[in-house]
Amino acid sequence: MNPKIQQFQCGLKDGVPIGLGYLAVSFTFGIMAKKAGIHTLAAVIMSLTNLTSAGQFAALGVIQSGAPFVEMAAVQFIINLRYCLMSCSLSQKMDSKMPFFHRFLISYGVTDEVFGVSACRPENLSPFYAYGLISVAVPGWTFGTLLGAISGDLLPARLLSALSVALYGMFLAIVIPPARGSRILAGVVAASMAASFLFSVIPMLNGISSGFKVIILTVVIAGVAAFLFPVKEEREGGQAQ
């Protein structure tokens, strides 16, 4: 079988849990968007073009408050700034000779979960593997929004509350398995949780927006971990440097 097709099929398989998780969470977004007075088609287009749960849920509040477009742009920039770091990290796993159009298309589908799955790949990231992930994640997120917008108020409030945490449960499922196999990674995860908690309770820090919190914590914790526990690169002959 063609290696490109194999990579794409592998991406499709690994993307199924992401797509199912997105379907549940975006279902809630669709219902909330409808309650906010957003047309069903507009909500679907928002999900198709953004692919960001935090950004889209935050956008609903901005839209309902009647804030200007400048404020909307600033909120989205801050919340989604973390994807710049994720994209830079994934670029290190790609072949240096990969054409720009592949990188451009992959960047469209970089989300927290897609990044987590892609980063766990032991070998270089193939664009066709990424396309497989995106081909499942995007329809799951978009179709879930459509179903939620159409459903309206049919589901009880308790069920909607349960669906709203599905995304975080899925992300934990991505992080925990590799953390169990590495003490260093487990320590980084624990340090991240502790630092995030401190940012939420310390008066001088809890006023920082969620987007900047992610950027600060990612840069500081990942930087310290990389400095203290650098990953040894292998030579062509297989010996570590």
Protein backbone atom coordinates (compact mmCIF):
# COMPACT_ATOMS: atom_id res chain seq x y z
CA MET A 1 0.00 0.00 0.00
CA ASN A 2 1.12 3.54 -0.70
CA PRO A 3 2.87 4.99 2.40
CA LYS A 4 0.85 8.22 2.05
CA ILE A 5 -2.41 6.26 2.15
CA GLN A 6 -1.15 4.30 5.17
CA GLN A 7 -0.33 7.50 7.01
CA PHE A 8 -3.72 8.98 6.15
CA GLN A 9 -5.55 5.87 7.35
CA CYS A 10 -3.54 5.87 10.57
CA GLY A 11 -4.50 9.50 11.10
CA LEU A 12 -8.15 8.67 10.51
CA LYS A 13 -7.99 5.87 13.10
CA ASP A 14 -6.24 8.03 15.72
CA GLY A 15 -8.63 10.90 15.01
CA VAL A 16 -11.83 8.97 15.77
CA PRO A 17 -11.70 9.64 19.57
CA ILE A 18 -11.05 13.32 18.83
CA GLY A 19 -13.96 13.52 16.42
CA LEU A 20 -16.33 11.83 18.88
CA GLY A 21 -15.24 14.13 21.71
CA TYR A 22 -15.64 17.18 19.51
CA LEU A 23 -19.09 16.00 18.48
CA ALA A 24 -20.24 16.04 22.12
CA VAL A 25 -18.65 19.36 23.07
CA SER A 26 -19.66 21.23 19.91
CA PHE A 27 -23.20 19.95 20.42
CA THR A 28 -23.27 22.07 23.57
CA PHE A 29 -21.77 25.00 21.69
CA GLY A 30 -24.49 24.73 19.04
CA ILE A 31 -27.21 24.93 21.69
CA MET A 32 -25.57 27.90 23.41
CA ALA A 33 -25.05 29.67 20.08
CA LYS A 34 -28.73 29.25 19.30
CA LYS A 35 -29.66 30.70 22.69
CA ALA A 36 -27.35 33.64 21.99
CA GLY A 37 -29.40 34.45 18.91
CA ILE A 38 -26.89 33.20 16.35
CA HIS A 39 -28.35 31.68 13.19
CA THR A 40 -27.71 27.96 12.67
CA LEU A 41 -25.71 28.54 9.49
CA ALA A 42 -23.59 31.21 11.18
CA ALA A 43 -22.83 28.87 14.10
CA VAL A 44 -21.80 26.09 11.71
CA ILE A 45 -19.54 28.45 9.73
CA MET A 46 -18.00 29.65 13.01
CA SER A 47 -17.10 26.08 13.95
CA LEU A 48 -15.85 25.22 10.47
CA THR A 49 -13.49 28.19 10.31
CA ASN A 50 -12.30 28.46 13.93
CA LEU A 51 -11.92 24.99 15.49
CA THR A 52 -11.38 26.42 18.96
CA SER A 53 -13.67 25.55 21.83
CA ALA A 54 -12.36 28.21 24.23
CA GLY A 55 -12.36 30.87 21.53
CA GLN A 56 -15.86 30.08 20.33
CA PHE A 57 -17.42 29.92 23.77
CA ALA A 58 -15.72 33.22 24.64
CA ALA A 59 -17.00 34.70 21.39
CA LEU A 60 -20.58 34.02 22.46
CA GLY A 61 -20.14 36.24 25.50
CA VAL A 62 -18.59 39.00 23.42
CA ILE A 63 -21.40 38.80 20.85
CA GLN A 64 -24.10 38.89 23.51
CA SER A 65 -22.52 41.94 25.15
CA GLY A 66 -22.57 43.82 21.84
CA ALA A 67 -18.83 44.54 22.00
CA PRO A 68 -17.06 46.00 18.94
CA PHE A 69 -15.14 43.85 16.45
CA VAL A 70 -11.82 45.16 17.80
CA GLU A 71 -12.57 43.64 21.20
CA MET A 72 -13.61 40.37 19.56
CA ALA A 73 -10.32 40.28 17.62
CA ALA A 74 -8.31 40.97 20.78
CA VAL A 75 -10.10 38.25 22.76
CA GLN A 76 -9.60 35.68 20.02
CA PHE A 77 -5.95 36.63 19.59
CA ILE A 78 -5.22 36.22 23.30
CA ILE A 79 -7.15 32.99 23.78
CA ASN A 80 -5.80 31.30 20.66
CA LEU A 81 -2.23 32.52 20.96
CA ARG A 82 -1.21 29.13 22.32
CA TYR A 83 -1.69 27.60 18.88
CA CYS A 84 1.37 29.53 17.71
CA LEU A 85 3.47 27.59 20.21
CA MET A 86 1.84 24.32 19.23
CA SER A 87 2.47 24.96 15.55
CA CYS A 88 6.10 25.85 16.21
CA SER A 89 6.50 22.63 18.19
CA LEU A 90 4.91 20.50 15.46
CA SER A 91 7.09 22.14 12.82
CA GLN A 92 10.09 20.56 14.55
CA LYS A 93 8.62 17.11 13.85
CA MET A 94 8.20 17.78 10.13
CA ASP A 95 10.67 17.15 7.36
CA SER A 96 12.62 20.33 6.65
CA LYS A 97 11.89 19.82 2.95
CA MET A 98 8.11 19.67 3.43
CA PRO A 99 6.45 22.15 1.00
CA PHE A 100 4.87 25.28 2.42
CA PHE A 101 1.36 24.39 1.26
CA HIS A 102 1.40 21.26 3.45
CA ARG A 103 2.39 23.34 6.46
CA PHE A 104 -0.29 25.89 5.61
CA LEU A 105 -3.04 23.28 5.40
CA ILE A 106 -1.94 21.51 8.58
CA SER A 107 -1.97 24.80 10.51
CA TYR A 108 -5.69 25.10 9.87
CA GLY A 109 -6.41 21.96 11.88
CA VAL A 110 -4.02 22.44 14.82
CA THR A 111 -6.06 22.13 18.02
CA ASP A 112 -5.12 21.05 21.54
CA GLU A 113 -6.12 17.45 20.90
CA VAL A 114 -4.69 17.24 17.38
CA PHE A 115 -1.45 18.67 18.74
CA GLY A 116 -1.40 16.19 21.63
CA VAL A 117 -1.86 13.18 19.36
CA SER A 118 0.61 14.47 16.76
CA ALA A 119 3.26 15.29 19.35
CA CYS A 120 3.11 11.72 20.71
CA ARG A 121 4.07 10.27 17.32
CA PRO A 122 7.58 8.80 17.69
CA GLU A 123 8.57 9.46 14.06
CA ASN A 124 8.47 12.58 11.92
CA LEU A 125 5.00 14.01 11.37
CA SER A 126 3.67 13.15 7.92
CA PRO A 127 1.30 15.71 6.39
CA PHE A 128 -0.99 12.88 5.35
CA TYR A 129 -1.21 11.64 8.95
CA ALA A 130 -2.19 15.17 9.97
CA TYR A 131 -4.77 15.30 7.17
CA GLY A 132 -6.26 12.07 8.51
CA LEU A 133 -6.62 13.57 11.99
CA ILE A 134 -8.12 16.77 10.61
CA SER A 135 -10.51 14.87 8.33
CA VAL A 136 -12.17 13.39 11.40
CA ALA A 137 -11.80 16.29 13.86
CA VAL A 138 -13.27 19.02 11.64
CA PRO A 139 -16.48 17.18 10.64
CA GLY A 140 -16.97 16.08 14.27
CA TRP A 141 -16.73 19.64 15.54
CA THR A 142 -18.83 21.14 12.73
CA PHE A 143 -21.53 18.46 12.64
CA GLY A 144 -21.87 18.57 16.43
CA THR A 145 -22.50 22.30 16.21
CA LEU A 146 -25.18 21.72 13.59
CA LEU A 147 -26.93 19.08 15.70
CA GLY A 148 -26.81 21.28 18.79
CA ALA A 149 -28.16 24.32 16.99
CA ILE A 150 -31.02 22.29 15.54
CA SER A 151 -31.82 20.55 18.82
CA GLY A 152 -32.29 23.81 20.73
CA ASP A 153 -33.66 23.21 24.21
CA LEU A 154 -34.54 19.54 23.84
CA LEU A 155 -31.90 18.20 26.23
CA PRO A 156 -32.04 18.64 30.04
CA ALA A 157 -29.61 21.01 31.75
CA ARG A 158 -27.77 18.20 33.59
CA LEU A 159 -26.93 16.42 30.36
CA LEU A 160 -25.67 19.66 28.81
CA SER A 161 -23.45 20.21 31.85
CA ALA A 162 -21.98 16.71 31.45
CA LEU A 163 -21.31 17.27 27.76
CA SER A 164 -19.47 20.51 28.51
CA VAL A 165 -16.63 18.65 30.27
CA ALA A 166 -16.19 15.99 27.58
CA LEU A 167 -13.38 17.93 25.90
CA TYR A 168 -11.30 18.06 29.09
CA GLY A 169 -11.81 14.34 29.72
CA MET A 170 -10.61 13.60 26.21
CA PHE A 171 -7.52 15.74 26.68
CA LEU A 172 -6.68 13.90 29.91
CA ALA A 173 -6.96 10.63 28.00
CA ILE A 174 -4.29 11.94 25.63
CA VAL A 175 -1.90 13.19 28.34
CA ILE A 176 -2.10 10.47 31.00
CA PRO A 177 -0.82 7.43 29.01
CA PRO A 178 2.55 8.98 27.99
CA ALA A 179 2.91 10.56 31.46
CA ARG A 180 2.64 7.12 33.07
CA GLY A 181 5.67 5.99 31.08
CA SER A 182 7.88 8.98 31.93
CA ARG A 183 8.61 10.43 35.37
CA ILE A 184 9.85 13.64 33.81
CA LEU A 185 6.68 14.12 31.78
CA ALA A 186 4.54 13.26 34.80
CA GLY A 187 6.45 15.85 36.82
CA VAL A 188 5.91 18.47 34.13
CA VAL A 189 2.17 17.73 34.11
CA ALA A 190 2.01 17.96 37.93
CA ALA A 191 3.98 21.22 37.92
CA SER A 192 1.67 22.63 35.26
CA MET A 193 -1.42 21.78 37.32
CA ALA A 194 0.07 23.32 40.47
CA ALA A 195 1.15 26.48 38.66
CA SER A 196 -2.25 26.82 36.99
CA PHE A 197 -3.91 26.56 40.41
CA LEU A 198 -1.62 29.25 41.84
CA PHE A 199 -2.46 31.52 38.92
CA SER A 200 -6.14 31.17 39.78
CA VAL A 201 -5.83 32.02 43.51
CA ILE A 202 -3.00 34.58 43.76
CA PRO A 203 -4.52 38.09 43.51
CA MET A 204 -1.82 39.51 41.25
CA LEU A 205 -2.04 36.59 38.83
CA ASN A 206 -5.71 35.64 38.69
CA GLY A 207 -6.51 38.73 36.64
CA ILE A 208 -4.41 37.49 33.72
CA SER A 209 -6.49 36.22 30.80
CA SER A 210 -6.68 32.47 30.22
CA GLY A 211 -4.84 32.75 26.92
CA PHE A 212 -1.84 34.53 28.43
CA LYS A 213 -1.84 32.11 31.37
CA VAL A 214 -1.40 29.24 28.93
CA ILE A 215 1.40 31.06 27.10
CA ILE A 216 3.25 31.99 30.31
CA LEU A 217 2.96 28.56 31.89
CA THR A 218 3.89 26.76 28.67
CA VAL A 219 6.99 28.87 28.03
CA VAL A 220 8.24 28.84 31.64
CA ILE A 221 7.53 25.20 32.55
CA ALA A 222 8.49 23.75 29.17
CA GLY A 223 11.62 25.93 29.10
CA VAL A 224 12.72 24.83 32.57
CA ALA A 225 12.02 21.17 31.76
CA ALA A 226 13.95 21.42 28.49
CA PHE A 227 16.90 23.02 30.28
CA LEU A 228 17.00 20.55 33.18
CA PHE A 229 16.06 17.41 31.25
CA PRO A 230 17.10 17.85 27.62
CA VAL A 231 16.06 15.14 25.17
CA LYS A 232 19.13 13.49 23.71
CA GLU A 233 19.18 13.42 19.93
CA GLU A 234 20.42 10.33 18.12
CA ARG A 235 23.11 10.26 15.48
CA GLU A 236 22.61 8.43 12.22
CA GLY A 237 24.53 5.51 13.67
CA GLY A 238 22.09 5.32 16.58
CA GLN A 239 24.36 6.72 19.31
CA ALA A 240 23.04 9.49 21.51
CA GLN A 241 24.87 12.80 21.54
